[in-house]
């Protein structure tokens, strides 16, 4: 089943994000290579592709897991969690409707 992992950053998380981004992206790349990643990306703090020093306010990952417990375990092991980037992380089941396929 698909799960939405929605994370909110702590204030002033940009430097911690930058430092742990390679490890964060490596985990997402592995999931993509396995065909289990629907989408992933950050929420810019301002309406800009590159928010500069404004940084990001959180992240969204939609990925496939066998169940809720596995999705929560994977989310909890994210390098951004270990680096203190995320203030909170929620994991919710997600049903993809469109686009079909």
PDB file of N, CA and C in Angstrom:
ATOM      1  N   UNK A   1       0.833  -1.165   0.000  1.00  0.00           N
ATOM      2  CA  UNK A   1       0.000   0.000   0.000  1.00  0.00           C
ATOM      3  C   UNK A   1       0.886   1.239   0.000  1.00  0.00           C
ATOM      4  N   UNK A   2       0.372   2.318  -0.575  1.00  0.00           N
ATOM      5  CA  UNK A   2       1.066   3.595  -0.549  1.00  0.00           C
ATOM      6  C   UNK A   2       0.878   4.253   0.811  1.00  0.00           C
ATOM      7  N   UNK A   3       1.913   4.987   1.251  1.00  0.00           N
ATOM      8  CA  UNK A   3       1.850   5.761   2.489  1.00  0.00           C
ATOM      9  C   UNK A   3       2.430   7.139   2.224  1.00  0.00           C
ATOM     10  N   UNK A   4       1.791   8.158   2.785  1.00  0.00           N
ATOM     11  CA  UNK A   4       2.298   9.525   2.725  1.00  0.00           C
ATOM     12  C   UNK A   4       3.058   9.798   4.012  1.00  0.00           C
ATOM     13  N   UNK A   5       4.294  10.188   3.865  1.00  0.00           N
ATOM     14  CA  UNK A   5       5.131  10.578   4.997  1.00  0.00           C
ATOM     15  C   UNK A   5       5.244  12.099   4.921  1.00  0.00           C
ATOM     16  N   UNK A   6       4.678  12.764   5.911  1.00  0.00           N
ATOM     17  CA  UNK A   6       4.630  14.220   5.930  1.00  0.00           C
ATOM     18  C   UNK A   6       5.430  14.694   7.140  1.00  0.00           C
ATOM     19  N   UNK A   7       6.457  15.485   6.872  1.00  0.00           N
ATOM     20  CA  UNK A   7       7.339  15.937   7.941  1.00  0.00           C
ATOM     21  C   UNK A   7       7.367  17.455   7.988  1.00  0.00           C
ATOM     22  N   UNK A   8       7.415  17.990   9.188  1.00  0.00           N
ATOM     23  CA  UNK A   8       7.557  19.422   9.410  1.00  0.00           C
ATOM     24  C   UNK A   8       8.917  19.680  10.039  1.00  0.00           C
ATOM     25  N   UNK A   9       9.620  20.655   9.484  1.00  0.00           N
ATOM     26  CA  UNK A   9      10.965  20.986   9.969  1.00  0.00           C
ATOM     27  C   UNK A   9      10.926  21.813  11.252  1.00  0.00           C
ATOM     28  N   UNK A  10      11.994  21.710  12.001  1.00  0.00           N
ATOM     29  CA  UNK A  10      12.221  22.637  13.108  1.00  0.00           C
ATOM     30  C   UNK A  10      12.622  23.973  12.479  1.00  0.00           C
ATOM     31  N   UNK A  11      12.480  25.078  13.200  1.00  0.00           N
ATOM     32  CA  UNK A  11      12.945  26.358  12.662  1.00  0.00           C
ATOM     33  C   UNK A  11      14.454  26.315  12.395  1.00  0.00           C
ATOM     34  N   UNK A  12      14.865  27.039  11.373  1.00  0.00           N
ATOM     35  CA  UNK A  12      16.290  27.172  11.025  1.00  0.00           C
ATOM     36  C   UNK A  12      16.980  25.832  10.776  1.00  0.00           C
ATOM     37  N   UNK A  13      16.319  24.974  10.020  1.00  0.00           N
ATOM     38  CA  UNK A  13      16.838  23.626   9.763  1.00  0.00           C
ATOM     39  C   UNK A  13      17.746  23.529   8.545  1.00  0.00           C
ATOM     40  N   UNK A  14      17.939  24.625   7.821  1.00  0.00           N
ATOM     41  CA  UNK A  14      18.608  24.559   6.525  1.00  0.00           C
ATOM     42  C   UNK A  14      20.006  23.934   6.588  1.00  0.00           C
ATOM     43  N   UNK A  15      20.833  24.333   7.532  1.00  0.00           N
ATOM     44  CA  UNK A  15      22.194  23.787   7.593  1.00  0.00           C
ATOM     45  C   UNK A  15      22.193  22.294   7.921  1.00  0.00           C
ATOM     46  N   UNK A  16      21.331  21.873   8.826  1.00  0.00           N
ATOM     47  CA  UNK A  16      21.229  20.441   9.143  1.00  0.00           C
ATOM     48  C   UNK A  16      20.701  19.666   7.942  1.00  0.00           C
ATOM     49  N   UNK A  17      19.776  20.263   7.198  1.00  0.00           N
ATOM     50  CA  UNK A  17      19.267  19.638   5.971  1.00  0.00           C
ATOM     51  C   UNK A  17      20.398  19.422   4.979  1.00  0.00           C
ATOM     52  N   UNK A  18      21.158  20.485   4.738  1.00  0.00           N
ATOM     53  CA  UNK A  18      22.256  20.391   3.769  1.00  0.00           C
ATOM     54  C   UNK A  18      23.249  19.298   4.165  1.00  0.00           C
ATOM     55  N   UNK A  19      23.577  19.226   5.436  1.00  0.00           N
ATOM     56  CA  UNK A  19      24.573  18.256   5.905  1.00  0.00           C
ATOM     57  C   UNK A  19      24.103  16.816   5.754  1.00  0.00           C
ATOM     58  N   UNK A  20      22.824  16.561   5.951  1.00  0.00           N
ATOM     59  CA  UNK A  20      22.323  15.182   5.914  1.00  0.00           C
ATOM     60  C   UNK A  20      21.602  14.831   4.616  1.00  0.00           C
ATOM     61  N   UNK A  21      21.550  15.765   3.675  1.00  0.00           N
ATOM     62  CA  UNK A  21      20.830  15.533   2.419  1.00  0.00           C
ATOM     63  C   UNK A  21      21.377  14.351   1.602  1.00  0.00           C
ATOM     64  N   UNK A  22      22.696  14.189   1.448  1.00  0.00           N
ATOM     65  CA  UNK A  22      23.171  13.044   0.654  1.00  0.00           C
ATOM     66  C   UNK A  22      22.663  11.697   1.179  1.00  0.00           C
ATOM     67  N   UNK A  23      22.683  11.495   2.473  1.00  0.00           N
ATOM     68  CA  UNK A  23      22.201  10.226   3.045  1.00  0.00           C
ATOM     69  C   UNK A  23      20.689  10.104   2.876  1.00  0.00           C
ATOM     70  N   UNK A  24      19.968  11.206   3.035  1.00  0.00           N
ATOM     71  CA  UNK A  24      18.512  11.217   2.848  1.00  0.00           C
ATOM     72  C   UNK A  24      18.173  10.824   1.404  1.00  0.00           C
ATOM     73  N   UNK A  25      18.869  11.446   0.442  1.00  0.00           N
ATOM     74  CA  UNK A  25      18.601  11.146  -0.974  1.00  0.00           C
ATOM     75  C   UNK A  25      18.999   9.721  -1.351  1.00  0.00           C
ATOM     76  N   UNK A  26      20.038   9.190  -0.741  1.00  0.00           N
ATOM     77  CA  UNK A  26      20.456   7.813  -1.038  1.00  0.00           C
ATOM     78  C   UNK A  26      19.350   6.822  -0.680  1.00  0.00           C
ATOM     79  N   UNK A  27      18.693   7.045   0.444  1.00  0.00           N
ATOM     80  CA  UNK A  27      17.593   6.148   0.837  1.00  0.00           C
ATOM     81  C   UNK A  27      16.424   6.251  -0.140  1.00  0.00           C
ATOM     82  N   UNK A  28      16.133   7.482  -0.575  1.00  0.00           N
ATOM     83  CA  UNK A  28      15.049   7.673  -1.539  1.00  0.00           C
ATOM     84  C   UNK A  28      15.406   7.056  -2.886  1.00  0.00           C
ATOM     85  N   UNK A  29      16.667   7.189  -3.302  1.00  0.00           N
ATOM     86  CA  UNK A  29      17.104   6.599  -4.565  1.00  0.00           C
ATOM     87  C   UNK A  29      16.973   5.078  -4.531  1.00  0.00           C
ATOM     88  N   UNK A  30      17.325   4.476  -3.403  1.00  0.00           N
ATOM     89  CA  UNK A  30      17.180   3.028  -3.273  1.00  0.00           C
ATOM     90  C   UNK A  30      15.708   2.627  -3.424  1.00  0.00           C
ATOM     91  N   UNK A  31      14.839   3.390  -2.783  1.00  0.00           N
ATOM     92  CA  UNK A  31      13.415   3.093  -2.883  1.00  0.00           C
ATOM     93  C   UNK A  31      12.925   3.262  -4.323  1.00  0.00           C
ATOM     94  N   UNK A  32      13.426   4.292  -5.019  1.00  0.00           N
ATOM     95  CA  UNK A  32      13.045   4.494  -6.410  1.00  0.00           C
ATOM     96  C   UNK A  32      13.545   3.330  -7.265  1.00  0.00           C
ATOM     97  N   UNK A  33      14.776   2.896  -7.024  1.00  0.00           N
ATOM     98  CA  UNK A  33      15.338   1.769  -7.768  1.00  0.00           C
ATOM     99  C   UNK A  33      14.512   0.499  -7.573  1.00  0.00           C
ATOM    100  N   UNK A  34      13.882   0.368  -6.415  1.00  0.00           N
ATOM    101  CA  UNK A  34      13.030  -0.785  -6.110  1.00  0.00           C
ATOM    102  C   UNK A  34      11.617  -0.613  -6.664  1.00  0.00           C
ATOM    103  N   UNK A  35      11.312   0.540  -7.263  1.00  0.00           N
ATOM    104  CA  UNK A  35       9.990   0.792  -7.819  1.00  0.00           C
ATOM    105  C   UNK A  35       8.931   1.097  -6.767  1.00  0.00           C
ATOM    106  N   UNK A  36       9.360   1.574  -5.591  1.00  0.00           N
ATOM    107  CA  UNK A  36       8.429   1.800  -4.482  1.00  0.00           C
ATOM    108  C   UNK A  36       8.192   3.275  -4.170  1.00  0.00           C
ATOM    109  N   UNK A  37       8.786   4.180  -4.953  1.00  0.00           N
ATOM    110  CA  UNK A  37       8.657   5.605  -4.685  1.00  0.00           C
ATOM    111  C   UNK A  37       7.740   6.253  -5.707  1.00  0.00           C
ATOM    112  N   UNK A  38       6.668   6.864  -5.238  1.00  0.00           N
ATOM    113  CA  UNK A  38       5.758   7.583  -6.128  1.00  0.00           C
ATOM    114  C   UNK A  38       6.261   9.005  -6.326  1.00  0.00           C
ATOM    115  N   UNK A  39       6.608   9.683  -5.231  1.00  0.00           N
ATOM    116  CA  UNK A  39       7.170  11.033  -5.316  1.00  0.00           C
ATOM    117  C   UNK A  39       7.799  11.411  -3.992  1.00  0.00           C
ATOM    118  N   UNK A  40       8.672  12.398  -4.053  1.00  0.00           N
ATOM    119  CA  UNK A  40       9.314  12.907  -2.845  1.00  0.00           C
ATOM    120  C   UNK A  40       9.809  14.309  -3.113  1.00  0.00           C
ATOM    121  N   UNK A  41       9.737  15.150  -2.100  1.00  0.00           N
ATOM    122  CA  UNK A  41      10.269  16.493  -2.246  1.00  0.00           C
ATOM    123  C   UNK A  41      10.004  17.344  -1.026  1.00  0.00           C
ATOM    124  N   UNK A  42      10.711  18.475  -0.960  1.00  0.00           N
ATOM    125  CA  UNK A  42      10.565  19.376   0.180  1.00  0.00           C
ATOM    126  C   UNK A  42       9.484  20.430  -0.066  1.00  0.00           C
ATOM    127  N   UNK A  43       9.070  21.068   1.015  1.00  0.00           N
ATOM    128  CA  UNK A  43       8.172  22.215   0.968  1.00  0.00           C
ATOM    129  C   UNK A  43       9.038  23.466   1.136  1.00  0.00           C
ATOM    130  N   UNK A  44       9.249  24.259   0.077  1.00  0.00           N
ATOM    131  CA  UNK A  44      10.011  25.493   0.255  1.00  0.00           C
ATOM    132  C   UNK A  44       9.270  26.433   1.215  1.00  0.00           C
ATOM    133  N   UNK A  45      10.026  27.165   2.003  1.00  0.00           N
ATOM    134  CA  UNK A  45       9.422  28.099   2.955  1.00  0.00           C
ATOM    135  C   UNK A  45       8.795  29.306   2.266  1.00  0.00           C
ATOM    136  N   UNK A  46       9.249  29.582   1.037  1.00  0.00           N
ATOM    137  CA  UNK A  46       8.660  30.645   0.223  1.00  0.00           C
ATOM    138  C   UNK A  46       8.347  30.067  -1.151  1.00  0.00           C
ATOM    139  N   UNK A  47       7.538  30.766  -1.924  1.00  0.00           N
ATOM    140  CA  UNK A  47       7.137  30.276  -3.244  1.00  0.00           C
ATOM    141  C   UNK A  47       8.272  30.457  -4.245  1.00  0.00           C
ATOM    142  N   UNK A  48       9.231  29.534  -4.189  1.00  0.00           N
ATOM    143  CA  UNK A  48      10.395  29.593  -5.058  1.00  0.00           C
ATOM    144  C   UNK A  48      10.991  28.195  -5.184  1.00  0.00           C
ATOM    145  N   UNK A  49      11.464  27.862  -6.379  1.00  0.00           N
ATOM    146  CA  UNK A  49      12.151  26.584  -6.577  1.00  0.00           C
ATOM    147  C   UNK A  49      13.398  26.510  -5.700  1.00  0.00           C
ATOM    148  N   UNK A  50      14.082  27.640  -5.569  1.00  0.00           N
ATOM    149  CA  UNK A  50      15.269  27.728  -4.723  1.00  0.00           C
ATOM    150  C   UNK A  50      15.022  28.812  -3.676  1.00  0.00           C
ATOM    151  N   UNK A  51      14.565  28.435  -2.491  1.00  0.00           N
ATOM    152  CA  UNK A  51      14.216  29.433  -1.488  1.00  0.00           C
ATOM    153  C   UNK A  51      15.410  30.092  -0.801  1.00  0.00           C
ATOM    154  N   UNK A  52      16.632  29.696  -1.180  1.00  0.00           N
ATOM    155  CA  UNK A  52      17.823  30.300  -0.593  1.00  0.00           C
ATOM    156  C   UNK A  52      17.831  30.174   0.919  1.00  0.00           C
ATOM    157  N   UNK A  53      18.213  31.236   1.623  1.00  0.00           N
ATOM    158  CA  UNK A  53      18.326  31.155   3.079  1.00  0.00           C
ATOM    159  C   UNK A  53      16.992  30.957   3.799  1.00  0.00           C
ATOM    160  N   UNK A  54      15.868  31.165   3.098  1.00  0.00           N
ATOM    161  CA  UNK A  54      14.556  30.911   3.722  1.00  0.00           C
ATOM    162  C   UNK A  54      14.389  29.422   4.024  1.00  0.00           C
ATOM    163  N   UNK A  55      15.064  28.591   3.235  1.00  0.00           N
ATOM    164  CA  UNK A  55      15.050  27.153   3.486  1.00  0.00           C
ATOM    165  C   UNK A  55      13.724  26.478   3.191  1.00  0.00           C
ATOM    166  N   UNK A  56      13.471  25.424   3.942  1.00  0.00           N
ATOM    167  CA  UNK A  56      12.310  24.566   3.712  1.00  0.00           C
ATOM    168  C   UNK A  56      11.542  24.387   5.015  1.00  0.00           C
ATOM    169  N   UNK A  57      10.261  24.107   4.874  1.00  0.00           N
ATOM    170  CA  UNK A  57       9.417  23.943   6.061  1.00  0.00           C
ATOM    171  C   UNK A  57       9.063  22.488   6.340  1.00  0.00           C
ATOM    172  N   UNK A  58       9.441  21.586   5.439  1.00  0.00           N
ATOM    173  CA  UNK A  58       9.129  20.175   5.640  1.00  0.00           C
ATOM    174  C   UNK A  58       9.315  19.379   4.367  1.00  0.00           C
ATOM    175  N   UNK A  59       8.784  18.168   4.378  1.00  0.00           N
ATOM    176  CA  UNK A  59       8.947  17.251   3.249  1.00  0.00           C
ATOM    177  C   UNK A  59       7.707  16.384   3.080  1.00  0.00           C
ATOM    178  N   UNK A  60       7.546  15.877   1.852  1.00  0.00           N
ATOM    179  CA  UNK A  60       6.495  14.912   1.540  1.00  0.00           C
ATOM    180  C   UNK A  60       7.122  13.765   0.772  1.00  0.00           C
ATOM    181  N   UNK A  61       6.856  12.557   1.225  1.00  0.00           N
ATOM    182  CA  UNK A  61       7.291  11.342   0.536  1.00  0.00           C
ATOM    183  C   UNK A  61       6.066  10.450   0.407  1.00  0.00           C
ATOM    184  N   UNK A  62       5.809   9.960  -0.780  1.00  0.00           N
ATOM    185  CA  UNK A  62       4.758   8.959  -0.969  1.00  0.00           C
ATOM    186  C   UNK A  62       5.434   7.724  -1.531  1.00  0.00           C
ATOM    187  N   UNK A  63       5.369   6.654  -0.752  1.00  0.00           N
ATOM    188  CA  UNK A  63       6.089   5.432  -1.098  1.00  0.00           C
ATOM    189  C   UNK A  63       5.279   4.211  -0.691  1.00  0.00           C
ATOM    190  N   UNK A  64       5.650   3.091  -1.258  1.00  0.00           N
ATOM    191  CA  UNK A  64       4.941   1.833  -1.025  1.00  0.00           C
ATOM    192  C   UNK A  64       5.642   1.018   0.063  1.00  0.00           C
ATOM    193  N   UNK A  65       4.841   0.545   1.009  1.00  0.00           N
ATOM    194  CA  UNK A  65       5.323  -0.296   2.109  1.00  0.00           C
ATOM    195  C   UNK A  65       4.317  -1.419   2.328  1.00  0.00           C
ATOM    196  N   UNK A  66       4.753  -2.541   2.925  1.00  0.00           N
ATOM    197  CA  UNK A  66       3.816  -3.631   3.209  1.00  0.00           C
ATOM    198  C   UNK A  66       2.720  -3.231   4.201  1.00  0.00           C
ATOM    199  N   UNK A  67       3.040  -2.312   5.120  1.00  0.00           N
ATOM    200  CA  UNK A  67       2.049  -1.918   6.119  1.00  0.00           C
ATOM    201  C   UNK A  67       2.485  -0.672   6.874  1.00  0.00           C
ATOM    202  N   UNK A  68       1.617  -0.216   7.748  1.00  0.00           N
ATOM    203  CA  UNK A  68       1.847   0.995   8.539  1.00  0.00           C
ATOM    204  C   UNK A  68       3.132   0.917   9.368  1.00  0.00           C
ATOM    205  N   UNK A  69       3.339  -0.207  10.029  1.00  0.00           N
ATOM    206  CA  UNK A  69       4.505  -0.346  10.901  1.00  0.00           C
ATOM    207  C   UNK A  69       5.806  -0.207  10.118  1.00  0.00           C
ATOM    208  N   UNK A  70       5.864  -0.796   8.928  1.00  0.00           N
ATOM    209  CA  UNK A  70       7.076  -0.706   8.106  1.00  0.00           C
ATOM    210  C   UNK A  70       7.300   0.728   7.628  1.00  0.00           C
ATOM    211  N   UNK A  71       6.224   1.406   7.249  1.00  0.00           N
ATOM    212  CA  UNK A  71       6.335   2.797   6.809  1.00  0.00           C
ATOM    213  C   UNK A  71       6.820   3.685   7.952  1.00  0.00           C
ATOM    214  N   UNK A  72       6.280   3.479   9.147  1.00  0.00           N
ATOM    215  CA  UNK A  72       6.696   4.279  10.303  1.00  0.00           C
ATOM    216  C   UNK A  72       8.146   3.993  10.677  1.00  0.00           C
ATOM    217  N   UNK A  73       8.550   2.754  10.602  1.00  0.00           N
ATOM    218  CA  UNK A  73       9.925   2.390  10.912  1.00  0.00           C
ATOM    219  C   UNK A  73      10.888   3.032   9.921  1.00  0.00           C
ATOM    220  N   UNK A  74      10.557   2.970   8.636  1.00  0.00           N
ATOM    221  CA  UNK A  74      11.401   3.573   7.607  1.00  0.00           C
ATOM    222  C   UNK A  74      11.490   5.084   7.822  1.00  0.00           C
ATOM    223  N   UNK A  75      10.367   5.733   8.065  1.00  0.00           N
ATOM    224  CA  UNK A  75      10.343   7.186   8.275  1.00  0.00           C
ATOM    225  C   UNK A  75      11.162   7.570   9.509  1.00  0.00           C
ATOM    226  N   UNK A  76      11.072   6.783  10.558  1.00  0.00           N
ATOM    227  CA  UNK A  76      11.794   7.078  11.785  1.00  0.00           C
ATOM    228  C   UNK A  76      13.300   6.938  11.656  1.00  0.00           C
ATOM    229  N   UNK A  77      13.751   6.187  10.649  1.00  0.00           N
ATOM    230  CA  UNK A  77      15.181   5.971  10.434  1.00  0.00           C
ATOM    231  C   UNK A  77      15.777   6.967   9.428  1.00  0.00           C
ATOM    232  N   UNK A  78      14.996   7.943   9.009  1.00  0.00           N
ATOM    233  CA  UNK A  78      15.482   8.914   8.031  1.00  0.00           C
ATOM    234  C   UNK A  78      16.633   9.738   8.606  1.00  0.00           C
ATOM    235  N   UNK A  79      17.661  10.008   7.810  1.00  0.00           N
ATOM    236  CA  UNK A  79      18.766  10.843   8.286  1.00  0.00           C
ATOM    237  C   UNK A  79      18.329  12.232   8.760  1.00  0.00           C
ATOM    238  N   UNK A  80      17.261  12.767   8.200  1.00  0.00           N
ATOM    239  CA  UNK A  80      16.765  14.062   8.671  1.00  0.00           C
ATOM    240  C   UNK A  80      16.225  13.965  10.095  1.00  0.00           C
ATOM    241  N   UNK A  81      15.682  12.824  10.463  1.00  0.00           N
ATOM    242  CA  UNK A  81      15.228  12.617  11.844  1.00  0.00           C
ATOM    243  C   UNK A  81      16.445  12.606  12.768  1.00  0.00           C
ATOM    244  N   UNK A  82      17.452  11.822  12.398  1.00  0.00           N
ATOM    245  CA  UNK A  82      18.654  11.716  13.220  1.00  0.00           C
ATOM    246  C   UNK A  82      19.371  13.056  13.364  1.00  0.00           C
ATOM    247  N   UNK A  83      19.308  13.897  12.313  1.00  0.00           N
ATOM    248  CA  UNK A  83      19.992  15.191  12.332  1.00  0.00           C
ATOM    249  C   UNK A  83      19.184  16.281  13.018  1.00  0.00           C
ATOM    250  N   UNK A  84      17.966  15.953  13.437  1.00  0.00           N
ATOM    251  CA  UNK A  84      17.132  16.947  14.108  1.00  0.00           C
ATOM    252  C   UNK A  84      16.480  17.944  13.167  1.00  0.00           C
ATOM    253  N   UNK A  85      16.399  17.615  11.876  1.00  0.00           N
ATOM    254  CA  UNK A  85      15.747  18.496  10.897  1.00  0.00           C
ATOM    255  C   UNK A  85      14.238  18.527  11.127  1.00  0.00           C
ATOM    256  N   UNK A  86      13.660  17.363  11.363  1.00  0.00           N
ATOM    257  CA  UNK A  86      12.206  17.262  11.487  1.00  0.00           C
ATOM    258  C   UNK A  86      11.746  17.459  12.926  1.00  0.00           C
ATOM    259  N   UNK A  87      10.757  18.323  13.101  1.00  0.00           N
ATOM    260  CA  UNK A  87      10.112  18.514  14.399  1.00  0.00           C
ATOM    261  C   UNK A  87       9.089  17.417  14.631  1.00  0.00           C
ATOM    262  N   UNK A  88       8.414  17.006  13.559  1.00  0.00           N
ATOM    263  CA  UNK A  88       7.416  15.935  13.651  1.00  0.00           C
ATOM    264  C   UNK A  88       7.269  15.247  12.302  1.00  0.00           C
ATOM    265  N   UNK A  89       6.894  13.982  12.362  1.00  0.00           N
ATOM    266  CA  UNK A  89       6.685  13.178  11.163  1.00  0.00           C
ATOM    267  C   UNK A  89       5.395  12.402  11.344  1.00  0.00           C
ATOM    268  N   UNK A  90       4.519  12.483  10.340  1.00  0.00           N
ATOM    269  CA  UNK A  90       3.305  11.662  10.377  1.00  0.00           C
ATOM    270  C   UNK A  90       3.314  10.733   9.173  1.00  0.00           C
ATOM    271  N   UNK A  91       2.741   9.556   9.367  1.00  0.00           N
ATOM    272  CA  UNK A  91       2.671   8.545   8.315  1.00  0.00           C
ATOM    273  C   UNK A  91       1.210   8.157   8.170  1.00  0.00           C
ATOM    274  N   UNK A  92       0.684   8.337   6.954  1.00  0.00           N
ATOM    275  CA  UNK A  92      -0.733   8.059   6.716  1.00  0.00           C
ATOM    276  C   UNK A  92      -0.897   7.201   5.469  1.00  0.00           C
ATOM    277  N   UNK A  93      -1.813   6.232   5.505  1.00  0.00           N
ATOM    278  CA  UNK A  93      -2.104   5.474   4.288  1.00  0.00           C
ATOM    279  C   UNK A  93      -2.585   6.423   3.190  1.00  0.00           C
ATOM    280  N   UNK A  94      -2.251   6.091   1.956  1.00  0.00           N
ATOM    281  CA  UNK A  94      -2.583   6.944   0.816  1.00  0.00           C
ATOM    282  C   UNK A  94      -3.099   6.064  -0.309  1.00  0.00           C
ATOM    283  N   UNK A  95      -4.219   6.466  -0.896  1.00  0.00           N
ATOM    284  CA  UNK A  95      -4.757   5.731  -2.039  1.00  0.00           C
ATOM    285  C   UNK A  95      -4.587   6.573  -3.296  1.00  0.00           C
ATOM    286  N   UNK A  96      -3.727   6.140  -4.181  1.00  0.00           N
ATOM    287  CA  UNK A  96      -3.498   6.840  -5.443  1.00  0.00           C
ATOM    288  C   UNK A  96      -4.677   6.600  -6.369  1.00  0.00           C
ATOM    289  N   UNK A  97      -5.275   7.675  -6.830  1.00  0.00           N
ATOM    290  CA  UNK A  97      -6.406   7.583  -7.751  1.00  0.00           C
ATOM    291  C   UNK A  97      -6.029   8.057  -9.162  1.00  0.00           C
ATOM    292  N   UNK A  98      -5.416   9.221  -9.258  1.00  0.00           N
ATOM    293  CA  UNK A  98      -5.016   9.779 -10.545  1.00  0.00           C
ATOM    294  C   UNK A  98      -3.586  10.300 -10.456  1.00  0.00           C
ATOM    295  N   UNK A  99      -2.847  10.268 -11.494  1.00  0.00           N
ATOM    296  CA  UNK A  99      -3.212   9.647 -12.762  1.00  0.00           C
ATOM    297  C   UNK A  99      -3.236   8.123 -12.642  1.00  0.00           C
ATOM    298  N   UNK A 100      -4.063   7.527 -13.448  1.00  0.00           N
ATOM    299  CA  UNK A 100      -4.196   6.073 -13.448  1.00  0.00           C
ATOM    300  C   UNK A 100      -2.919   5.439 -13.980  1.00  0.00           C
ATOM    301  N   UNK A 101      -2.683   4.222 -13.515  1.00  0.00           N
ATOM    302  CA  UNK A 101      -1.557   3.468 -14.045  1.00  0.00           C
ATOM    303  C   UNK A 101      -0.398   3.351 -13.156  1.00  0.00           C
TER     304      UNK A 101
END
